[in-house]
């Protein structure tokens, strides 16, 4: 009997493309608002190996938007919660939980040998750090950021300098510090990041390379900004 788990994917991706995803490795840096939805969707798609990286624990303020948070795991590791969730959702895949923050000393070691890295971070210095690591390792990076009603997505190849165009500041936090983050924005932006990731892994479609997709959910405005 044919495996029914992925049969609905086959109307979008060919059986061969679906099968190829079992051989792919994706690292998700951050397991909170964006990262929880990214991991959930990658796991349901059947990405064979996911590395979930986060040294943080859940707080009560995460309950409004972070998929893996609940009343029972406040104070618990976000990365380990991601692993437990995927064991329930799709035990076919391998999820490696890395319960630590990336820094200049460990980033290359943790991220190497992945096909794609997904940025699900919440601060500018860490985004710049993983961009440098991906450049060094020759790995494409799928960037996503959220702030209130607004979100941004871009796909960054190792030879691109997209992060430098987006963040020409030394500040630690962006607009989210002032605008906060509701439940819906991370779900939208994470889904677009997953779509870009699947396109990278399968070679399908047009990527947001050297482009920044801006989404304004409040007024339903969507703009693609060309980057140098």
Protein backbone atom coordinates (compact mmCIF):
# COMPACT_ATOMS: atom_id res chain seq x y z
CA UNK A 1 0.00 0.00 0.00
CA UNK A 2 1.32 3.44 -0.91
CA UNK A 3 2.43 5.63 2.01
CA UNK A 4 -0.39 8.14 2.55
CA UNK A 5 1.61 10.61 4.64
CA UNK A 6 2.95 12.61 1.68
CA UNK A 7 0.32 11.90 -0.95
CA UNK A 8 -1.16 15.43 -0.79
CA UNK A 9 2.30 16.87 -1.46
CA UNK A 10 2.42 15.09 -4.79
CA UNK A 11 -0.03 17.50 -6.41
CA UNK A 12 2.55 20.25 -5.85
CA UNK A 13 5.83 18.33 -6.02
CA UNK A 14 6.47 15.27 -8.19
CA UNK A 15 6.95 11.87 -6.50
CA UNK A 16 10.65 12.15 -7.37
CA UNK A 17 10.91 15.62 -5.82
CA UNK A 18 9.07 14.47 -2.72
CA UNK A 19 11.42 11.52 -2.40
CA UNK A 20 14.47 13.76 -2.83
CA UNK A 21 13.44 15.81 0.21
CA UNK A 22 14.14 12.76 2.42
CA UNK A 23 17.84 13.21 1.60
CA UNK A 24 18.00 16.92 2.45
CA UNK A 25 19.36 18.58 5.58
CA UNK A 26 17.98 21.92 6.76
CA UNK A 27 19.15 23.88 9.80
CA UNK A 28 16.68 26.19 11.55
CA UNK A 29 18.36 28.76 13.78
CA UNK A 30 15.80 29.75 16.38
CA UNK A 31 12.84 27.65 17.58
CA UNK A 32 10.49 30.43 18.69
CA UNK A 33 7.92 32.39 16.70
CA UNK A 34 9.28 31.88 13.21
CA UNK A 35 11.28 28.75 13.96
CA UNK A 36 8.40 26.77 15.43
CA UNK A 37 6.29 27.18 12.30
CA UNK A 38 9.27 26.58 10.00
CA UNK A 39 10.16 23.32 11.76
CA UNK A 40 6.53 22.18 11.81
CA UNK A 41 6.10 22.71 8.07
CA UNK A 42 9.47 21.24 7.10
CA UNK A 43 8.69 18.17 9.19
CA UNK A 44 5.27 17.68 7.64
CA UNK A 45 6.81 18.03 4.18
CA UNK A 46 9.17 15.21 5.02
CA UNK A 47 12.52 17.00 5.01
CA UNK A 48 14.69 14.08 6.08
CA UNK A 49 17.03 15.83 8.50
CA UNK A 50 16.25 19.01 10.46
CA UNK A 51 18.66 20.60 12.91
CA UNK A 52 16.79 22.79 15.41
CA UNK A 53 19.12 25.27 17.13
CA UNK A 54 18.17 27.42 20.12
CA UNK A 55 19.69 27.93 23.56
CA UNK A 56 16.61 29.64 24.95
CA UNK A 57 13.74 28.37 27.11
CA UNK A 58 10.05 29.20 26.90
CA UNK A 59 8.61 32.15 28.79
CA UNK A 60 4.98 33.04 29.44
CA UNK A 61 5.20 35.88 26.91
CA UNK A 62 5.89 33.29 24.18
CA UNK A 63 2.44 31.72 24.53
CA UNK A 64 0.80 34.24 22.20
CA UNK A 65 2.66 33.07 19.08
CA UNK A 66 5.25 30.32 19.55
CA UNK A 67 3.86 27.04 18.26
CA UNK A 68 5.82 24.72 20.55
CA UNK A 69 5.06 26.64 23.76
CA UNK A 70 2.28 25.61 26.13
CA UNK A 71 1.34 26.02 29.78
CA UNK A 72 3.24 22.89 30.70
CA UNK A 73 6.66 23.71 29.28
CA UNK A 74 7.42 27.22 30.54
CA UNK A 75 11.13 27.21 31.41
CA UNK A 76 11.80 24.24 29.09
CA UNK A 77 14.25 24.15 26.19
CA UNK A 78 12.79 25.34 22.88
CA UNK A 79 15.07 23.04 20.88
CA UNK A 80 14.12 19.97 22.90
CA UNK A 81 10.43 20.88 22.62
CA UNK A 82 10.86 20.98 18.82
CA UNK A 83 12.30 17.46 18.86
CA UNK A 84 9.45 16.14 21.02
CA UNK A 85 6.89 17.76 18.75
CA UNK A 86 8.39 16.22 15.61
CA UNK A 87 8.52 12.80 17.24
CA UNK A 88 4.73 13.07 17.49
CA UNK A 89 4.08 14.68 14.10
CA UNK A 90 6.49 12.80 11.85
CA UNK A 91 8.79 10.17 13.36
CA UNK A 92 9.98 9.34 9.81
CA UNK A 93 12.33 12.31 9.89
CA UNK A 94 15.41 12.92 12.01
CA UNK A 95 15.37 16.08 14.10
CA UNK A 96 18.56 16.95 15.95
CA UNK A 97 18.03 19.39 18.81
CA UNK A 98 20.95 21.72 19.53
CA UNK A 99 20.25 23.32 22.89
CA UNK A 100 22.72 26.20 22.56
CA UNK A 101 23.13 29.60 20.94
CA UNK A 102 25.29 29.97 17.86
CA UNK A 103 28.43 32.06 18.19
CA UNK A 104 31.60 32.66 16.20
CA UNK A 105 33.20 29.60 17.79
CA UNK A 106 30.52 27.00 17.07
CA UNK A 107 28.48 28.27 14.10
CA UNK A 108 30.56 26.71 11.33
CA UNK A 109 30.72 23.34 13.09
CA UNK A 110 26.96 23.19 13.72
CA UNK A 111 25.82 24.51 10.31
CA UNK A 112 28.23 22.61 8.04
CA UNK A 113 26.88 19.92 5.69
CA UNK A 114 23.36 21.38 5.55
CA UNK A 115 21.70 22.16 2.22
CA UNK A 116 19.86 25.24 3.50
CA UNK A 117 19.87 27.33 6.68
CA UNK A 118 16.69 29.12 7.82
CA UNK A 119 17.08 32.32 9.83
CA UNK A 120 14.45 32.41 12.59
CA UNK A 121 16.31 34.78 14.89
CA UNK A 122 15.20 37.92 16.72
CA UNK A 123 18.33 40.07 16.82
CA UNK A 124 20.60 41.70 14.27
CA UNK A 125 24.05 40.59 15.51
CA UNK A 126 23.02 36.92 15.38
CA UNK A 127 21.60 37.33 11.88
CA UNK A 128 24.89 38.81 10.72
CA UNK A 129 26.75 35.97 12.41
CA UNK A 130 24.87 33.21 10.60
CA UNK A 131 25.11 35.12 7.33
CA UNK A 132 28.90 35.14 7.72
CA UNK A 133 28.91 31.44 8.60
CA UNK A 134 26.75 30.51 5.60
CA UNK A 135 29.00 32.54 3.32
CA UNK A 136 32.03 30.69 4.66
CA UNK A 137 30.33 27.29 4.33
CA UNK A 138 28.81 28.05 0.90
CA UNK A 139 25.24 27.39 2.11
CA UNK A 140 22.17 29.42 1.03
CA UNK A 141 20.33 31.23 3.81
CA UNK A 142 16.59 31.92 3.90
CA UNK A 143 16.03 35.10 5.88
CA UNK A 144 12.80 36.06 7.62
CA UNK A 145 11.92 38.83 10.07
CA UNK A 146 8.72 39.99 11.72
CA UNK A 147 7.49 43.10 13.51
CA UNK A 148 3.84 43.63 14.40
CA UNK A 149 1.73 43.54 11.23
CA UNK A 150 4.82 43.44 9.01
CA UNK A 151 7.29 40.87 7.76
CA UNK A 152 10.24 40.39 5.42
CA UNK A 153 11.64 37.43 3.47
CA UNK A 154 14.70 37.01 1.29
CA UNK A 155 16.86 34.17 -0.02
CA UNK A 156 20.56 34.82 0.33
CA UNK A 157 23.21 32.96 -1.66
CA UNK A 158 26.73 32.73 -0.19
CA UNK A 159 28.12 35.28 -2.63
CA UNK A 160 25.38 37.84 -1.86
CA UNK A 161 25.56 40.62 0.73
CA UNK A 162 21.85 40.93 1.39
CA UNK A 163 22.10 41.18 5.17
CA UNK A 164 24.35 44.22 4.81
CA UNK A 165 21.69 45.93 2.66
CA UNK A 166 18.90 45.07 5.09
CA UNK A 167 20.79 45.96 8.27
CA UNK A 168 23.16 48.91 7.88
CA UNK A 169 23.13 49.43 11.65
CA UNK A 170 24.95 48.17 14.72
CA UNK A 171 21.76 48.12 16.80
CA UNK A 172 20.84 44.81 18.44
CA UNK A 173 17.08 44.82 17.87
CA UNK A 174 14.88 45.92 14.99
CA UNK A 175 11.30 47.16 14.71
CA UNK A 176 9.88 44.21 16.65
CA UNK A 177 11.11 45.77 19.88
CA UNK A 178 8.60 48.59 19.42
CA UNK A 179 5.83 46.79 17.49
CA UNK A 180 5.84 43.38 19.17
CA UNK A 181 4.67 40.21 17.41
CA UNK A 182 1.14 38.77 17.26
CA UNK A 183 0.29 35.17 16.39
CA UNK A 184 -0.37 35.57 12.67
CA UNK A 185 2.75 37.34 11.39
CA UNK A 186 5.27 34.59 12.23
CA UNK A 187 2.99 31.96 10.70
CA UNK A 188 2.81 33.89 7.40
CA UNK A 189 6.51 34.71 7.15
CA UNK A 190 7.60 31.23 8.24
CA UNK A 191 5.44 29.68 5.52
CA UNK A 192 7.07 31.88 2.89
CA UNK A 193 10.49 30.89 4.22
CA UNK A 194 9.55 27.23 3.90
CA UNK A 195 8.36 27.82 0.33
CA UNK A 196 11.73 29.39 -0.51
CA UNK A 197 13.51 26.48 1.18
CA UNK A 198 11.61 23.90 -0.85
CA UNK A 199 12.37 25.82 -4.06
CA UNK A 200 16.05 25.80 -3.17
CA UNK A 201 15.97 22.06 -2.45
CA UNK A 202 14.08 21.12 -5.62
CA UNK A 203 15.26 23.77 -8.08
CA UNK A 204 11.69 24.89 -8.77
CA UNK A 205 10.30 28.37 -9.26
CA UNK A 206 11.76 31.84 -8.86
CA UNK A 207 13.64 32.69 -5.70
CA UNK A 208 13.69 35.95 -3.75
CA UNK A 209 17.40 36.27 -4.43
CA UNK A 210 18.74 39.83 -4.20
CA UNK A 211 15.17 40.81 -3.41
CA UNK A 212 13.36 41.63 -0.18
CA UNK A 213 9.68 40.72 0.04
CA UNK A 214 7.85 43.13 2.33
CA UNK A 215 4.42 42.16 3.64
CA UNK A 216 2.03 44.59 5.32
CA UNK A 217 -0.83 42.52 6.75
CA UNK A 218 -2.61 45.56 8.12
CA UNK A 219 -3.27 47.09 4.69
CA UNK A 220 -2.61 44.00 2.56
CA UNK A 221 0.31 45.53 0.74
CA UNK A 222 2.98 43.28 -0.72
CA UNK A 223 6.13 44.69 -2.26
CA UNK A 224 9.30 43.18 -3.69
CA UNK A 225 12.27 45.46 -3.19
CA UNK A 226 15.23 44.93 -5.52
CA UNK A 227 18.54 44.80 -3.67
CA UNK A 228 22.02 45.43 -5.04
